[in-house]
Amino acid sequence: LEEKVGQMTQLNATAVANGTEITPEGEKMMRTYKVGSVL
């Protein structure tokens, strides 16, 4: 269920990265919530 809900979740690029560098916090959020889309 977590993976399915994650596919339905879309984050802004600035929520997961500082510029074009993915932050540790951003990667953790992507992995924890199985995020399926970024814009």
ModelCIF file with pLDDT and N, C-alpha, C, O atoms, coordinates in Angstrom:
data_MODEL
#
_entry.id   MODEL 
#
_entity.id                         1 
_entity.type                       polymer 
_entity.pdbx_number_of_molecules   1 
#
_entity_poly.entity_id                      1 
_entity_poly.type                           'polypeptide(L)' 
_entity_poly.nstd_linkage                   no 
_entity_poly.nstd_monomer                   no 
_entity_poly.pdbx_seq_one_letter_code       LEEKVGQMTQLNATAVANGTEITPEGEKMMRTYKVGSVL 
_entity_poly.pdbx_seq_one_letter_code_can   LEEKVGQMTQLNATAVANGTEITPEGEKMMRTYKVGSVL 
_entity_poly.pdbx_strand_id                 A 
#
loop_
_entity_poly_seq.entity_id 
_entity_poly_seq.num 
_entity_poly_seq.mon_id 
_entity_poly_seq.hetero 
1 1  LEU n 
1 2  GLU n 
1 3  GLU n 
1 4  LYS n 
1 5  VAL n 
1 6  GLY n 
1 7  GLN n 
1 8  MET n 
1 9  THR n 
1 10 GLN n 
1 11 LEU n 
1 12 ASN n 
1 13 ALA n 
1 14 THR n 
1 15 ALA n 
1 16 VAL n 
1 17 ALA n 
1 18 ASN n 
1 19 GLY n 
1 20 THR n 
1 21 GLU n 
1 22 ILE n 
1 23 THR n 
1 24 PRO n 
1 25 GLU n 
1 26 GLY n 
1 27 GLU n 
1 28 LYS n 
1 29 MET n 
1 30 MET n 
1 31 ARG n 
1 32 THR n 
1 33 TYR n 
1 34 LYS n 
1 35 VAL n 
1 36 GLY n 
1 37 SER n 
1 38 VAL n 
1 39 LEU n 
#
_struct_asym.id          A 
_struct_asym.entity_id   1 
#
loop_
_ma_qa_metric.id 
_ma_qa_metric.mode 
_ma_qa_metric.name 
_ma_qa_metric.software_group_id 
_ma_qa_metric.type 
1 global pLDDT . pLDDT 
2 local  pLDDT . pLDDT 
#
_ma_qa_metric_global.metric_id      1 
_ma_qa_metric_global.metric_value   97.77 
_ma_qa_metric_global.model_id       1 
_ma_qa_metric_global.ordinal_id     1 
#
loop_
_ma_qa_metric_local.label_asym_id 
_ma_qa_metric_local.label_comp_id 
_ma_qa_metric_local.label_seq_id 
_ma_qa_metric_local.metric_id 
_ma_qa_metric_local.metric_value 
_ma_qa_metric_local.model_id 
_ma_qa_metric_local.ordinal_id 
A LEU 1  2 98.00 1 1  
A GLU 2  2 98.00 1 2  
A GLU 3  2 98.00 1 3  
A LYS 4  2 98.00 1 4  
A VAL 5  2 98.00 1 5  
A GLY 6  2 98.00 1 6  
A GLN 7  2 98.00 1 7  
A MET 8  2 98.00 1 8  
A THR 9  2 98.00 1 9  
A GLN 10 2 98.00 1 10 
A LEU 11 2 98.00 1 11 
A ASN 12 2 98.00 1 12 
A ALA 13 2 98.00 1 13 
A THR 14 2 97.00 1 14 
A ALA 15 2 97.00 1 15 
A VAL 16 2 98.00 1 16 
A ALA 17 2 98.00 1 17 
A ASN 18 2 97.00 1 18 
A GLY 19 2 95.00 1 19 
A THR 20 2 96.00 1 20 
A GLU 21 2 97.00 1 21 
A ILE 22 2 98.00 1 22 
A THR 23 2 98.00 1 23 
A PRO 24 2 98.00 1 24 
A GLU 25 2 98.00 1 25 
A GLY 26 2 98.00 1 26 
A GLU 27 2 98.00 1 27 
A LYS 28 2 98.00 1 28 
A MET 29 2 98.00 1 29 
A MET 30 2 98.00 1 30 
A ARG 31 2 98.00 1 31 
A THR 32 2 98.00 1 32 
A TYR 33 2 98.00 1 33 
A LYS 34 2 98.00 1 34 
A VAL 35 2 98.00 1 35 
A GLY 36 2 98.00 1 36 
A SER 37 2 98.00 1 37 
A VAL 38 2 98.00 1 38 
A LEU 39 2 98.00 1 39 
#
loop_
_atom_site.group_PDB 
_atom_site.id 
_atom_site.type_symbol 
_atom_site.label_atom_id 
_atom_site.label_alt_id 
_atom_site.label_comp_id 
_atom_site.label_asym_id 
_atom_site.label_entity_id 
_atom_site.label_seq_id 
_atom_site.pdbx_PDB_ins_code 
_atom_site.Cartn_x 
_atom_site.Cartn_y 
_atom_site.Cartn_z 
_atom_site.occupancy 
_atom_site.B_iso_or_equiv 
_atom_site.pdbx_formal_charge 
_atom_site.auth_seq_id 
_atom_site.auth_comp_id 
_atom_site.auth_asym_id 
_atom_site.auth_atom_id 
_atom_site.pdbx_PDB_model_num 
ATOM 1   N N  . LEU A 1 1  ? 0.838  -1.202 0.000   1.00 98.00 ? 1  LEU A N  1 
ATOM 2   C CA . LEU A 1 1  ? 0.000  0.000  0.000   1.00 98.00 ? 1  LEU A CA 1 
ATOM 3   C C  . LEU A 1 1  ? 0.869  1.247  0.000   1.00 98.00 ? 1  LEU A C  1 
ATOM 4   O O  . LEU A 1 1  ? 0.555  2.222  -0.683  1.00 98.00 ? 1  LEU A O  1 
ATOM 5   N N  . GLU A 1 2  ? 1.971  1.225  0.767   1.00 98.00 ? 2  GLU A N  1 
ATOM 6   C CA . GLU A 1 2  ? 2.878  2.381  0.792   1.00 98.00 ? 2  GLU A CA 1 
ATOM 7   C C  . GLU A 1 2  ? 3.425  2.680  -0.597  1.00 98.00 ? 2  GLU A C  1 
ATOM 8   O O  . GLU A 1 2  ? 3.526  3.842  -0.989  1.00 98.00 ? 2  GLU A O  1 
ATOM 9   N N  . GLU A 1 3  ? 3.775  1.642  -1.337  1.00 98.00 ? 3  GLU A N  1 
ATOM 10  C CA . GLU A 1 3  ? 4.317  1.841  -2.689  1.00 98.00 ? 3  GLU A CA 1 
ATOM 11  C C  . GLU A 1 3  ? 3.254  2.368  -3.640  1.00 98.00 ? 3  GLU A C  1 
ATOM 12  O O  . GLU A 1 3  ? 3.553  3.187  -4.510  1.00 98.00 ? 3  GLU A O  1 
ATOM 13  N N  . LYS A 1 4  ? 2.037  1.916  -3.488  1.00 98.00 ? 4  LYS A N  1 
ATOM 14  C CA . LYS A 1 4  ? 0.959  2.401  -4.356  1.00 98.00 ? 4  LYS A CA 1 
ATOM 15  C C  . LYS A 1 4  ? 0.656  3.876  -4.081  1.00 98.00 ? 4  LYS A C  1 
ATOM 16  O O  . LYS A 1 4  ? 0.528  4.676  -5.007  1.00 98.00 ? 4  LYS A O  1 
ATOM 17  N N  . VAL A 1 5  ? 0.546  4.219  -2.814  1.00 98.00 ? 5  VAL A N  1 
ATOM 18  C CA . VAL A 1 5  ? 0.289  5.610  -2.444  1.00 98.00 ? 5  VAL A CA 1 
ATOM 19  C C  . VAL A 1 5  ? 1.453  6.496  -2.893  1.00 98.00 ? 5  VAL A C  1 
ATOM 20  O O  . VAL A 1 5  ? 1.243  7.637  -3.305  1.00 98.00 ? 5  VAL A O  1 
ATOM 21  N N  . GLY A 1 6  ? 2.679  5.972  -2.815  1.00 98.00 ? 6  GLY A N  1 
ATOM 22  C CA . GLY A 1 6  ? 3.850  6.719  -3.273  1.00 98.00 ? 6  GLY A CA 1 
ATOM 23  C C  . GLY A 1 6  ? 3.794  7.042  -4.754  1.00 98.00 ? 6  GLY A C  1 
ATOM 24  O O  . GLY A 1 6  ? 4.205  8.125  -5.168  1.00 98.00 ? 6  GLY A O  1 
ATOM 25  N N  . GLN A 1 7  ? 3.291  6.116  -5.554  1.00 98.00 ? 7  GLN A N  1 
ATOM 26  C CA . GLN A 1 7  ? 3.161  6.381  -6.982  1.00 98.00 ? 7  GLN A CA 1 
ATOM 27  C C  . GLN A 1 7  ? 2.199  7.532  -7.252  1.00 98.00 ? 7  GLN A C  1 
ATOM 28  O O  . GLN A 1 7  ? 2.311  8.209  -8.273  1.00 98.00 ? 7  GLN A O  1 
ATOM 29  N N  . MET A 1 8  ? 1.269  7.751  -6.353  1.00 98.00 ? 8  MET A N  1 
ATOM 30  C CA . MET A 1 8  ? 0.270  8.807  -6.512  1.00 98.00 ? 8  MET A CA 1 
ATOM 31  C C  . MET A 1 8  ? 0.763  10.155 -5.986  1.00 98.00 ? 8  MET A C  1 
ATOM 32  O O  . MET A 1 8  ? 0.027  11.141 -6.017  1.00 98.00 ? 8  MET A O  1 
ATOM 33  N N  . THR A 1 9  ? 2.003  10.198 -5.506  1.00 98.00 ? 9  THR A N  1 
ATOM 34  C CA . THR A 1 9  ? 2.564  11.395 -4.886  1.00 98.00 ? 9  THR A CA 1 
ATOM 35  C C  . THR A 1 9  ? 3.570  12.065 -5.804  1.00 98.00 ? 9  THR A C  1 
ATOM 36  O O  . THR A 1 9  ? 4.477  11.411 -6.320  1.00 98.00 ? 9  THR A O  1 
ATOM 37  N N  . GLN A 1 10 ? 3.414  13.372 -6.012  1.00 98.00 ? 10 GLN A N  1 
ATOM 38  C CA . GLN A 1 10 ? 4.339  14.137 -6.852  1.00 98.00 ? 10 GLN A CA 1 
ATOM 39  C C  . GLN A 1 10 ? 4.913  15.301 -6.042  1.00 98.00 ? 10 GLN A C  1 
ATOM 40  O O  . GLN A 1 10 ? 4.180  16.098 -5.457  1.00 98.00 ? 10 GLN A O  1 
ATOM 41  N N  . LEU A 1 11 ? 6.261  15.373 -6.026  1.00 98.00 ? 11 LEU A N  1 
ATOM 42  C CA . LEU A 1 11 ? 6.956  16.429 -5.293  1.00 98.00 ? 11 LEU A CA 1 
ATOM 43  C C  . LEU A 1 11 ? 7.601  17.427 -6.233  1.00 98.00 ? 11 LEU A C  1 
ATOM 44  O O  . LEU A 1 11 ? 7.965  17.088 -7.360  1.00 98.00 ? 11 LEU A O  1 
ATOM 45  N N  . ASN A 1 12 ? 7.741  18.661 -5.765  1.00 98.00 ? 12 ASN A N  1 
ATOM 46  C CA . ASN A 1 12 ? 8.492  19.674 -6.495  1.00 98.00 ? 12 ASN A CA 1 
ATOM 47  C C  . ASN A 1 12 ? 9.985  19.374 -6.384  1.00 98.00 ? 12 ASN A C  1 
ATOM 48  O O  . ASN A 1 12 ? 10.438 18.826 -5.380  1.00 98.00 ? 12 ASN A O  1 
ATOM 49  N N  . ALA A 1 13 ? 10.749 19.734 -7.419  1.00 98.00 ? 13 ALA A N  1 
ATOM 50  C CA . ALA A 1 13 ? 12.184 19.457 -7.422  1.00 98.00 ? 13 ALA A CA 1 
ATOM 51  C C  . ALA A 1 13 ? 12.887 20.094 -6.229  1.00 98.00 ? 13 ALA A C  1 
ATOM 52  O O  . ALA A 1 13 ? 13.816 19.508 -5.672  1.00 98.00 ? 13 ALA A O  1 
ATOM 53  N N  . THR A 1 14 ? 12.451 21.287 -5.833  1.00 97.00 ? 14 THR A N  1 
ATOM 54  C CA . THR A 1 14 ? 13.104 21.965 -4.722  1.00 97.00 ? 14 THR A CA 1 
ATOM 55  C C  . THR A 1 14 ? 12.842 21.287 -3.381  1.00 97.00 ? 14 THR A C  1 
ATOM 56  O O  . THR A 1 14 ? 13.508 21.601 -2.395  1.00 97.00 ? 14 THR A O  1 
ATOM 57  N N  . ALA A 1 15 ? 11.883 20.363 -3.328  1.00 97.00 ? 15 ALA A N  1 
ATOM 58  C CA . ALA A 1 15 ? 11.624 19.637 -2.089  1.00 97.00 ? 15 ALA A CA 1 
ATOM 59  C C  . ALA A 1 15 ? 12.636 18.518 -1.872  1.00 97.00 ? 15 ALA A C  1 
ATOM 60  O O  . ALA A 1 15 ? 12.820 18.053 -0.748  1.00 97.00 ? 15 ALA A O  1 
ATOM 61  N N  . VAL A 1 16 ? 13.287 18.088 -2.942  1.00 98.00 ? 16 VAL A N  1 
ATOM 62  C CA . VAL A 1 16 ? 14.221 16.961 -2.823  1.00 98.00 ? 16 VAL A CA 1 
ATOM 63  C C  . VAL A 1 16 ? 15.651 17.347 -3.149  1.00 98.00 ? 16 VAL A C  1 
ATOM 64  O O  . VAL A 1 16 ? 16.557 16.529 -2.985  1.00 98.00 ? 16 VAL A O  1 
ATOM 65  N N  . ALA A 1 17 ? 15.880 18.577 -3.609  1.00 98.00 ? 17 ALA A N  1 
ATOM 66  C CA . ALA A 1 17 ? 17.218 18.948 -4.072  1.00 98.00 ? 17 ALA A CA 1 
ATOM 67  C C  . ALA A 1 17 ? 17.549 20.391 -3.741  1.00 98.00 ? 17 ALA A C  1 
ATOM 68  O O  . ALA A 1 17 ? 16.660 21.228 -3.588  1.00 98.00 ? 17 ALA A O  1 
ATOM 69  N N  . ASN A 1 18 ? 18.824 20.664 -3.635  1.00 97.00 ? 18 ASN A N  1 
ATOM 70  C CA . ASN A 1 18 ? 19.359 22.016 -3.554  1.00 97.00 ? 18 ASN A CA 1 
ATOM 71  C C  . ASN A 1 18 ? 20.007 22.298 -4.902  1.00 97.00 ? 18 ASN A C  1 
ATOM 72  O O  . ASN A 1 18 ? 21.090 21.792 -5.197  1.00 97.00 ? 18 ASN A O  1 
ATOM 73  N N  . GLY A 1 19 ? 19.339 23.107 -5.719  1.00 95.00 ? 19 GLY A N  1 
ATOM 74  C CA . GLY A 1 19 ? 19.773 23.218 -7.111  1.00 95.00 ? 19 GLY A CA 1 
ATOM 75  C C  . GLY A 1 19 ? 19.566 21.883 -7.793  1.00 95.00 ? 19 GLY A C  1 
ATOM 76  O O  . GLY A 1 19 ? 18.464 21.337 -7.757  1.00 95.00 ? 19 GLY A O  1 
ATOM 77  N N  . THR A 1 20 ? 20.601 21.348 -8.414  1.00 96.00 ? 20 THR A N  1 
ATOM 78  C CA . THR A 1 20 ? 20.499 20.048 -9.078  1.00 96.00 ? 20 THR A CA 1 
ATOM 79  C C  . THR A 1 20 ? 21.092 18.917 -8.246  1.00 96.00 ? 20 THR A C  1 
ATOM 80  O O  . THR A 1 20 ? 21.236 17.795 -8.733  1.00 96.00 ? 20 THR A O  1 
ATOM 81  N N  . GLU A 1 21 ? 21.436 19.205 -6.996  1.00 97.00 ? 21 GLU A N  1 
ATOM 82  C CA . GLU A 1 21 ? 22.005 18.185 -6.121  1.00 97.00 ? 21 GLU A CA 1 
ATOM 83  C C  . GLU A 1 21 ? 20.926 17.664 -5.170  1.00 97.00 ? 21 GLU A C  1 
ATOM 84  O O  . GLU A 1 21 ? 20.394 18.420 -4.356  1.00 97.00 ? 21 GLU A O  1 
ATOM 85  N N  . ILE A 1 22 ? 20.611 16.397 -5.272  1.00 98.00 ? 22 ILE A N  1 
ATOM 86  C CA . ILE A 1 22 ? 19.625 15.801 -4.373  1.00 98.00 ? 22 ILE A CA 1 
ATOM 87  C C  . ILE A 1 22 ? 20.195 15.786 -2.961  1.00 98.00 ? 22 ILE A C  1 
ATOM 88  O O  . ILE A 1 22 ? 21.303 15.301 -2.734  1.00 98.00 ? 22 ILE A O  1 
ATOM 89  N N  . THR A 1 23 ? 19.430 16.320 -2.019  1.00 98.00 ? 23 THR A N  1 
ATOM 90  C CA . THR A 1 23 ? 19.887 16.408 -0.634  1.00 98.00 ? 23 THR A CA 1 
ATOM 91  C C  . THR A 1 23 ? 19.664 15.075 0.085   1.00 98.00 ? 23 THR A C  1 
ATOM 92  O O  . THR A 1 23 ? 18.826 14.279 -0.339  1.00 98.00 ? 23 THR A O  1 
ATOM 93  N N  . PRO A 1 24 ? 20.409 14.824 1.171   1.00 98.00 ? 24 PRO A N  1 
ATOM 94  C CA . PRO A 1 24 ? 20.142 13.614 1.962   1.00 98.00 ? 24 PRO A CA 1 
ATOM 95  C C  . PRO A 1 24 ? 18.701 13.543 2.444   1.00 98.00 ? 24 PRO A C  1 
ATOM 96  O O  . PRO A 1 24 ? 18.095 12.472 2.473   1.00 98.00 ? 24 PRO A O  1 
ATOM 97  N N  . GLU A 1 25 ? 18.155 14.708 2.827   1.00 98.00 ? 25 GLU A N  1 
ATOM 98  C CA . GLU A 1 25 ? 16.757 14.732 3.281   1.00 98.00 ? 25 GLU A CA 1 
ATOM 99  C C  . GLU A 1 25 ? 15.808 14.413 2.131   1.00 98.00 ? 25 GLU A C  1 
ATOM 100 O O  . GLU A 1 25 ? 14.809 13.715 2.308   1.00 98.00 ? 25 GLU A O  1 
ATOM 101 N N  . GLY A 1 26 ? 16.137 14.939 0.941   1.00 98.00 ? 26 GLY A N  1 
ATOM 102 C CA . GLY A 1 26 ? 15.314 14.665 -0.225  1.00 98.00 ? 26 GLY A CA 1 
ATOM 103 C C  . GLY A 1 26 ? 15.331 13.201 -0.603  1.00 98.00 ? 26 GLY A C  1 
ATOM 104 O O  . GLY A 1 26 ? 14.285 12.624 -0.901  1.00 98.00 ? 26 GLY A O  1 
ATOM 105 N N  . GLU A 1 27 ? 16.502 12.595 -0.594  1.00 98.00 ? 27 GLU A N  1 
ATOM 106 C CA . GLU A 1 27 ? 16.598 11.165 -0.910  1.00 98.00 ? 27 GLU A CA 1 
ATOM 107 C C  . GLU A 1 27 ? 15.847 10.327 0.122   1.00 98.00 ? 27 GLU A C  1 
ATOM 108 O O  . GLU A 1 27 ? 15.176 9.356  -0.227  1.00 98.00 ? 27 GLU A O  1 
ATOM 109 N N  . LYS A 1 28 ? 15.966 10.710 1.397   1.00 98.00 ? 28 LYS A N  1 
ATOM 110 C CA . LYS A 1 28 ? 15.246 9.984  2.438   1.00 98.00 ? 28 LYS A CA 1 
ATOM 111 C C  . LYS A 1 28 ? 13.739 10.058 2.220   1.00 98.00 ? 28 LYS A C  1 
ATOM 112 O O  . LYS A 1 28 ? 13.037 9.061  2.389   1.00 98.00 ? 28 LYS A O  1 
ATOM 113 N N  . MET A 1 29 ? 13.238 11.242 1.842   1.00 98.00 ? 29 MET A N  1 
ATOM 114 C CA . MET A 1 29 ? 11.807 11.397 1.589   1.00 98.00 ? 29 MET A CA 1 
ATOM 115 C C  . MET A 1 29 ? 11.374 10.555 0.394   1.00 98.00 ? 29 MET A C  1 
ATOM 116 O O  . MET A 1 29 ? 10.328 9.908  0.442   1.00 98.00 ? 29 MET A O  1 
ATOM 117 N N  . MET A 1 30 ? 12.166 10.557 -0.679  1.00 98.00 ? 30 MET A N  1 
ATOM 118 C CA . MET A 1 30 ? 11.860 9.748  -1.848  1.00 98.00 ? 30 MET A CA 1 
ATOM 119 C C  . MET A 1 30 ? 11.766 8.267  -1.477  1.00 98.00 ? 30 MET A C  1 
ATOM 120 O O  . MET A 1 30 ? 10.857 7.562  -1.918  1.00 98.00 ? 30 MET A O  1 
ATOM 121 N N  . ARG A 1 31 ? 12.711 7.809  -0.665  1.00 98.00 ? 31 ARG A N  1 
ATOM 122 C CA . ARG A 1 31 ? 12.752 6.391  -0.301  1.00 98.00 ? 31 ARG A CA 1 
ATOM 123 C C  . ARG A 1 31 ? 11.670 6.026  0.723   1.00 98.00 ? 31 ARG A C  1 
ATOM 124 O O  . ARG A 1 31 ? 11.015 4.991  0.600   1.00 98.00 ? 31 ARG A O  1 
ATOM 125 N N  . THR A 1 32 ? 11.494 6.868  1.714   1.00 98.00 ? 32 THR A N  1 
ATOM 126 C CA . THR A 1 32 ? 10.527 6.561  2.778   1.00 98.00 ? 32 THR A CA 1 
ATOM 127 C C  . THR A 1 32 ? 9.113  6.479  2.238   1.00 98.00 ? 32 THR A C  1 
ATOM 128 O O  . THR A 1 32 ? 8.351  5.584  2.603   1.00 98.00 ? 32 THR A O  1 
ATOM 129 N N  . TYR A 1 33 ? 8.758  7.430  1.352   1.00 98.00 ? 33 TYR A N  1 
ATOM 130 C CA . TYR A 1 33 ? 7.388  7.504  0.864   1.00 98.00 ? 33 TYR A CA 1 
ATOM 131 C C  . TYR A 1 33 ? 7.231  6.961  -0.557  1.00 98.00 ? 33 TYR A C  1 
ATOM 132 O O  . TYR A 1 33 ? 6.163  7.092  -1.155  1.00 98.00 ? 33 TYR A O  1 
ATOM 133 N N  . LYS A 1 34 ? 8.291  6.350  -1.101  1.00 98.00 ? 34 LYS A N  1 
ATOM 134 C CA . LYS A 1 34 ? 8.243  5.670  -2.417  1.00 98.00 ? 34 LYS A CA 1 
ATOM 135 C C  . LYS A 1 34 ? 7.689  6.591  -3.501  1.00 98.00 ? 34 LYS A C  1 
ATOM 136 O O  . LYS A 1 34 ? 6.856  6.177  -4.307  1.00 98.00 ? 34 LYS A O  1 
ATOM 137 N N  . VAL A 1 35 ? 8.152  7.834  -3.518  1.00 98.00 ? 35 VAL A N  1 
ATOM 138 C CA . VAL A 1 35 ? 7.581  8.874  -4.382  1.00 98.00 ? 35 VAL A CA 1 
ATOM 139 C C  . VAL A 1 35 ? 7.737  8.512  -5.860  1.00 98.00 ? 35 VAL A C  1 
ATOM 140 O O  . VAL A 1 35 ? 8.813  8.105  -6.297  1.00 98.00 ? 35 VAL A O  1 
ATOM 141 N N  . GLY A 1 36 ? 6.655  8.665  -6.623  1.00 98.00 ? 36 GLY A N  1 
ATOM 142 C CA . GLY A 1 36 ? 6.648  8.207  -8.004  1.00 98.00 ? 36 GLY A CA 1 
ATOM 143 C C  . GLY A 1 36 ? 6.847  9.275  -9.048  1.00 98.00 ? 36 GLY A C  1 
ATOM 144 O O  . GLY A 1 36 ? 7.046  8.956  -10.220 1.00 98.00 ? 36 GLY A O  1 
ATOM 145 N N  . SER A 1 37 ? 6.797  10.568 -8.651  1.00 98.00 ? 37 SER A N  1 
ATOM 146 C CA . SER A 1 37 ? 6.880  11.625 -9.660  1.00 98.00 ? 37 SER A CA 1 
ATOM 147 C C  . SER A 1 37 ? 7.474  12.889 -9.058  1.00 98.00 ? 37 SER A C  1 
ATOM 148 O O  . SER A 1 37 ? 7.275  13.193 -7.882  1.00 98.00 ? 37 SER A O  1 
ATOM 149 N N  . VAL A 1 38 ? 8.214  13.622 -9.899  1.00 98.00 ? 38 VAL A N  1 
ATOM 150 C CA . VAL A 1 38 ? 8.805  14.915 -9.523  1.00 98.00 ? 38 VAL A CA 1 
ATOM 151 C C  . VAL A 1 38 ? 8.549  15.892 -10.664 1.00 98.00 ? 38 VAL A C  1 
ATOM 152 O O  . VAL A 1 38 ? 8.521  15.498 -11.830 1.00 98.00 ? 38 VAL A O  1 
ATOM 153 N N  . LEU A 1 39 ? 8.363  17.173 -10.326 1.00 98.00 ? 39 LEU A N  1 
ATOM 154 C CA . LEU A 1 39 ? 8.121  18.176 -11.357 1.00 98.00 ? 39 LEU A CA 1 
ATOM 155 C C  . LEU A 1 39 ? 8.960  19.412 -11.121 1.00 98.00 ? 39 LEU A C  1 
ATOM 156 O O  . LEU A 1 39 ? 8.887  20.366 -11.895 1.00 98.00 ? 39 LEU A O  1 
#
